[in-house]
Amino acid sequence: MLYIILLTSLVILFTFGAIAGVKQTKRMLKSEMDEKSRIQHYATITFSMWVPIIALFFVIIFSDITPADVGFSPLSFDLNIAVTITVLVAALIFILYCLYRIIAFLVSANHRRHRNIILEQKASGKDYYDLVDSRLMTPKTKNEKRWWLGVSLTTGICEEIIFRGFFIFLISQIFPNMSIYFVLVIAVVLFGLGHFYQGIKGLILTTLMGAFLASVYIVSGSLIIVIAMHFLTNFANAFEYSSDIAHLKE
C-alpha cells in the first residue's frame, strides 16, 4: 500500500507541477526577463525540487525502502557485456561532448562569439522551445550562472532520484510481473511529461534523453553516472552566452 500511495502522490505532484510550469513559462516569456527575474526563477526551481526529495528521504528512514532500492548502490554492470559496452561508450561520448561545450567556451573567444549569435537568433525567433531555452534556461550574467550551478546540481540529483530511482522501483514493485522494459517506458514518459513546459519539441527531446539516462542506469545498476550526466547536460547551458562578448559588440 505504501508503494501505491508514494507512486500516486508523485504522479499527482508532477502532473500539477507540469501544468503550473506550462502556465508560468508562458507568462514569463511574455514579460521582459532580467537578471532578477531569472534568479527568482532559478531559486523557485531549486526549492521546489528539494521539497519532495526531503520528504522521500524521511520515507526511506521510516520504511523498508533502502537507498540501494532507489539507485544509491555501487556500480555493478551485470547485464550483457555487448549492451553494457555500447551504452557506456555512448555515455562517455556524451560526457565528453558536454565537457567540450564547457572547455571551448572558456578558452575560445570565437566560440563564445558564435554561441552568442546563435542564442540571440533563438531569442528573436518564434520557435517555442528555442525561446524557452534562450530566455529562461540559459543564464546570461555571472550571478545567474552561479545560481544555475545550483539548478544543475538540483535537477541532476533530484530528478534522477525521482524519475530513475523511485519511479522505476515503485512501478516494478507494484507490478512485479511487468516487463522491466515497459517499466522503463512508463518512467521515461513521465520524465518527458514533467518537461512539457518546454513545448512539444522539448517534451520529445527530454523523453529521448530520459530513455538514454534510463539505459545507463539499468546497465550500471546505480544513479552515480546518470546524476553526473544529468548535471553536465544542464550545467553546460551556463556556457552558451558571454556577457563580455555582448558588451564588446555594444
Protein backbone atom coordinates (compact mmCIF):
# COMPACT_ATOMS: atom_id res chain seq x y z
CA MET A 1 0.00 0.00 0.00
CA LEU A 2 2.86 2.37 0.80
CA TYR A 3 4.27 1.94 -2.71
CA ILE A 4 0.89 2.72 -4.29
CA ILE A 5 0.49 5.84 -2.14
CA LEU A 6 4.01 7.03 -2.98
CA LEU A 7 3.63 6.45 -6.72
CA THR A 8 0.22 8.11 -6.82
CA SER A 9 1.47 11.07 -4.81
CA LEU A 10 4.49 11.58 -7.07
CA VAL A 11 2.40 11.33 -10.24
CA ILE A 12 -0.14 13.85 -8.89
CA LEU A 13 2.62 16.17 -7.67
CA PHE A 14 4.43 16.23 -11.01
CA THR A 15 1.20 16.44 -13.01
CA PHE A 16 0.20 19.61 -11.21
CA GLY A 17 3.80 20.79 -11.35
CA ALA A 18 3.88 20.28 -15.12
CA ILE A 19 0.62 22.21 -15.57
CA ALA A 20 1.86 25.03 -13.35
CA GLY A 21 5.19 25.01 -15.21
CA VAL A 22 3.46 25.50 -18.57
CA LYS A 23 1.44 28.45 -17.27
CA GLN A 24 4.44 30.04 -15.55
CA THR A 25 6.68 29.61 -18.59
CA LYS A 26 4.16 31.21 -20.94
CA ARG A 27 3.71 34.09 -18.52
CA MET A 28 7.47 34.64 -18.20
CA LEU A 29 8.01 34.56 -21.96
CA LYS A 30 5.55 37.43 -22.33
CA SER A 31 7.49 39.58 -19.87
CA GLU A 32 10.91 41.20 -20.03
CA MET A 33 13.42 38.82 -18.47
CA ASP A 34 16.23 40.42 -16.49
CA GLU A 35 18.80 39.11 -14.01
CA LYS A 36 16.47 39.43 -11.03
CA SER A 37 13.59 37.56 -12.66
CA ARG A 38 15.85 34.75 -13.90
CA ILE A 39 17.44 34.30 -10.48
CA GLN A 40 13.99 34.21 -8.87
CA HIS A 41 13.02 31.56 -11.40
CA TYR A 42 16.14 29.51 -10.65
CA ALA A 43 15.55 29.81 -6.90
CA THR A 44 11.96 28.58 -7.34
CA ILE A 45 13.14 25.56 -9.34
CA THR A 46 15.76 24.69 -6.72
CA PHE A 47 13.38 24.99 -3.77
CA SER A 48 10.50 23.12 -5.43
CA MET A 49 12.73 20.18 -6.39
CA TRP A 50 14.27 19.65 -2.94
CA VAL A 51 10.95 19.61 -1.06
CA PRO A 52 9.80 16.21 -2.39
CA ILE A 53 13.33 14.81 -2.06
CA ILE A 54 13.42 15.69 1.63
CA ALA A 55 10.01 14.02 2.03
CA LEU A 56 11.27 10.90 0.24
CA PHE A 57 14.36 10.90 2.48
CA PHE A 58 12.10 10.52 5.51
CA VAL A 59 10.16 7.78 3.72
CA ILE A 60 13.41 5.84 3.35
CA ILE A 61 14.22 6.32 7.05
CA PHE A 62 10.82 5.14 8.29
CA SER A 63 10.06 2.39 5.76
CA ASP A 64 11.63 -0.77 4.39
CA ILE A 65 12.83 1.07 1.27
CA THR A 66 16.62 1.28 1.23
CA PRO A 67 18.92 3.72 -0.62
CA ALA A 68 20.05 0.80 -2.79
CA ASP A 69 16.44 0.22 -3.90
CA VAL A 70 16.33 3.68 -5.47
CA GLY A 71 19.73 3.61 -7.11
CA PHE A 72 22.25 4.50 -4.43
CA SER A 73 24.39 1.42 -4.80
CA PRO A 74 27.85 0.62 -6.19
CA LEU A 75 28.26 0.25 -9.95
CA SER A 76 27.50 -3.34 -10.93
CA PHE A 77 27.43 -3.83 -14.76
CA ASP A 78 25.60 -7.17 -14.57
CA LEU A 79 23.90 -7.09 -17.97
CA ASN A 80 25.02 -8.44 -21.34
CA ILE A 81 28.58 -7.30 -21.99
CA ALA A 82 27.89 -6.06 -25.53
CA VAL A 83 24.91 -3.97 -24.40
CA THR A 84 26.86 -2.66 -21.41
CA ILE A 85 29.84 -1.58 -23.51
CA THR A 86 27.61 0.06 -26.14
CA VAL A 87 25.67 2.08 -23.59
CA LEU A 88 28.77 3.08 -21.61
CA VAL A 89 30.64 4.17 -24.75
CA ALA A 90 27.63 6.29 -25.72
CA ALA A 91 27.60 7.76 -22.19
CA LEU A 92 31.33 8.55 -22.39
CA ILE A 93 30.90 10.27 -25.76
CA PHE A 94 28.04 12.30 -24.34
CA ILE A 95 30.06 13.34 -21.28
CA LEU A 96 33.00 14.35 -23.49
CA TYR A 97 30.64 16.43 -25.65
CA CYS A 98 29.35 18.29 -22.59
CA LEU A 99 32.91 18.91 -21.43
CA TYR A 100 33.80 20.17 -24.91
CA ARG A 101 30.96 22.71 -24.73
CA ILE A 102 32.33 23.99 -21.42
CA ILE A 103 36.03 24.00 -22.32
CA ALA A 104 35.55 25.53 -25.78
CA PHE A 105 33.56 28.36 -24.24
CA LEU A 106 36.25 29.02 -21.63
CA VAL A 107 39.24 29.05 -23.99
CA SER A 108 37.93 30.43 -27.29
CA ALA A 109 36.59 33.94 -27.81
CA ASN A 110 35.48 32.97 -31.31
CA HIS A 111 33.45 30.11 -29.88
CA ARG A 112 31.82 32.43 -27.34
CA ARG A 113 31.02 34.93 -30.07
CA HIS A 114 29.49 32.17 -32.22
CA ARG A 115 27.36 30.86 -29.35
CA ASN A 116 26.15 34.40 -28.60
CA ILE A 117 24.98 34.83 -32.18
CA ILE A 118 23.12 31.52 -32.11
CA LEU A 119 21.44 32.35 -28.81
CA GLU A 120 20.39 35.79 -30.00
CA GLN A 121 18.87 34.23 -33.11
CA LYS A 122 16.91 31.81 -30.95
CA ALA A 123 15.70 34.61 -28.68
CA SER A 124 14.45 36.64 -31.64
CA GLY A 125 12.75 33.71 -33.39
CA LYS A 126 9.32 32.17 -33.00
CA ASP A 127 10.17 28.58 -32.06
CA TYR A 128 8.71 27.99 -28.59
CA TYR A 129 11.45 25.60 -27.47
CA ASP A 130 14.18 28.00 -28.62
CA LEU A 131 12.52 30.85 -26.73
CA VAL A 132 12.35 28.84 -23.51
CA ASP A 133 15.95 27.70 -23.96
CA SER A 134 17.38 31.14 -24.78
CA ARG A 135 15.33 33.31 -22.44
CA LEU A 136 14.79 31.08 -19.38
CA MET A 137 17.19 28.14 -19.39
CA THR A 138 20.39 29.89 -20.42
CA PRO A 139 21.94 32.11 -17.72
CA LYS A 140 23.49 35.32 -19.01
CA THR A 141 25.31 37.09 -16.17
CA LYS A 142 27.89 35.73 -13.71
CA ASN A 143 25.31 35.97 -10.94
CA GLU A 144 22.80 33.99 -12.95
CA LYS A 145 25.44 31.36 -13.72
CA ARG A 146 26.19 30.89 -10.03
CA TRP A 147 22.51 30.21 -9.42
CA TRP A 148 22.37 27.97 -12.48
CA LEU A 149 25.07 25.80 -10.92
CA GLY A 150 22.62 25.19 -8.06
CA VAL A 151 19.83 24.44 -10.52
CA SER A 152 22.04 21.98 -12.39
CA LEU A 153 23.04 20.16 -9.22
CA THR A 154 19.45 20.15 -8.00
CA THR A 155 17.90 18.78 -11.19
CA GLY A 156 20.74 16.31 -11.69
CA ILE A 157 20.30 14.84 -8.21
CA CYS A 158 16.58 15.28 -7.56
CA GLU A 159 15.16 14.32 -10.96
CA GLU A 160 17.33 11.21 -11.11
CA ILE A 161 16.29 10.11 -7.63
CA ILE A 162 12.62 10.57 -8.52
CA PHE A 163 12.35 9.54 -12.18
CA ARG A 164 15.10 6.91 -12.41
CA GLY A 165 15.25 5.84 -8.76
CA PHE A 166 11.81 5.95 -7.18
CA PHE A 167 9.56 5.69 -10.24
CA ILE A 168 11.31 2.60 -11.63
CA PHE A 169 11.43 0.97 -8.19
CA LEU A 170 7.81 1.72 -7.28
CA ILE A 171 6.33 0.68 -10.63
CA SER A 172 8.31 -2.58 -10.64
CA GLN A 173 7.21 -3.34 -7.06
CA ILE A 174 3.53 -2.56 -7.64
CA PHE A 175 3.51 -4.51 -10.92
CA PRO A 176 6.07 -7.29 -10.32
CA ASN A 177 5.06 -9.21 -13.46
CA MET A 178 5.53 -6.20 -15.73
CA SER A 179 8.48 -6.31 -18.11
CA ILE A 180 11.34 -4.08 -16.98
CA TYR A 181 11.32 -2.53 -20.45
CA PHE A 182 7.70 -1.46 -20.04
CA VAL A 183 8.52 -0.11 -16.59
CA LEU A 184 11.28 1.97 -18.18
CA VAL A 185 8.91 3.25 -20.87
CA ILE A 186 6.44 4.46 -18.22
CA ALA A 187 9.19 6.16 -16.19
CA VAL A 188 10.66 7.78 -19.31
CA VAL A 189 7.27 9.09 -20.48
CA LEU A 190 6.63 10.57 -17.03
CA PHE A 191 10.03 12.26 -17.20
CA GLY A 192 9.20 13.74 -20.60
CA LEU A 193 5.77 14.95 -19.46
CA GLY A 194 7.43 16.65 -16.49
CA HIS A 195 9.21 18.88 -19.02
CA PHE A 196 6.14 19.78 -21.06
CA TYR A 197 6.72 23.44 -20.16
CA GLN A 198 9.37 23.33 -22.91
CA GLY A 199 6.70 22.58 -25.53
CA ILE A 200 6.27 19.56 -27.80
CA LYS A 201 9.86 19.72 -29.08
CA GLY A 202 11.16 19.93 -25.51
CA LEU A 203 8.95 17.03 -24.44
CA ILE A 204 10.31 14.84 -27.25
CA LEU A 205 13.94 15.77 -26.58
CA THR A 206 13.68 15.24 -22.81
CA THR A 207 11.87 11.93 -23.33
CA LEU A 208 14.72 10.74 -25.56
CA MET A 209 17.25 11.99 -23.02
CA GLY A 210 15.30 10.22 -20.29
CA ALA A 211 15.46 6.97 -22.26
CA PHE A 212 19.23 7.37 -22.64
CA LEU A 213 19.71 8.05 -18.92
CA ALA A 214 17.43 5.13 -18.02
CA SER A 215 19.53 2.79 -20.17
CA VAL A 216 22.71 3.96 -18.44
CA TYR A 217 21.03 3.46 -15.05
CA ILE A 218 19.92 -0.09 -15.86
CA VAL A 219 23.32 -1.02 -17.32
CA SER A 220 25.33 0.43 -14.42
CA GLY A 221 22.89 -0.50 -11.65
CA SER A 222 23.47 2.85 -9.99
CA LEU A 223 22.46 6.52 -10.16
CA ILE A 224 26.08 7.68 -9.92
CA ILE A 225 26.78 8.00 -13.65
CA VAL A 226 23.33 9.30 -14.60
CA ILE A 227 23.42 12.04 -11.96
CA ALA A 228 26.78 13.19 -13.35
CA MET A 229 25.43 13.10 -16.92
CA HIS A 230 22.26 14.97 -16.00
CA PHE A 231 24.24 17.61 -14.13
CA LEU A 232 26.64 18.16 -17.02
CA THR A 233 23.77 18.37 -19.52
CA ASN A 234 22.20 21.25 -17.64
CA PHE A 235 25.38 22.92 -16.41
CA ALA A 236 26.70 23.20 -19.97
CA ASN A 237 23.92 25.72 -20.60
CA ALA A 238 25.87 28.16 -18.46
CA PHE A 239 28.45 28.18 -21.27
CA GLU A 240 26.17 29.30 -24.08
CA TYR A 241 26.30 33.07 -23.62
CA SER A 242 29.07 35.50 -22.76
CA SER A 243 28.11 38.90 -21.40
CA ASP A 244 31.69 40.08 -22.03
CA ILE A 245 31.37 39.42 -25.77
CA ALA A 246 27.98 41.13 -25.77
CA HIS A 247 29.50 44.24 -24.15
CA LEU A 248 32.29 44.34 -26.72
CA LYS A 249 29.71 44.37 -29.53
CA GLU A 250 28.00 47.33 -27.92
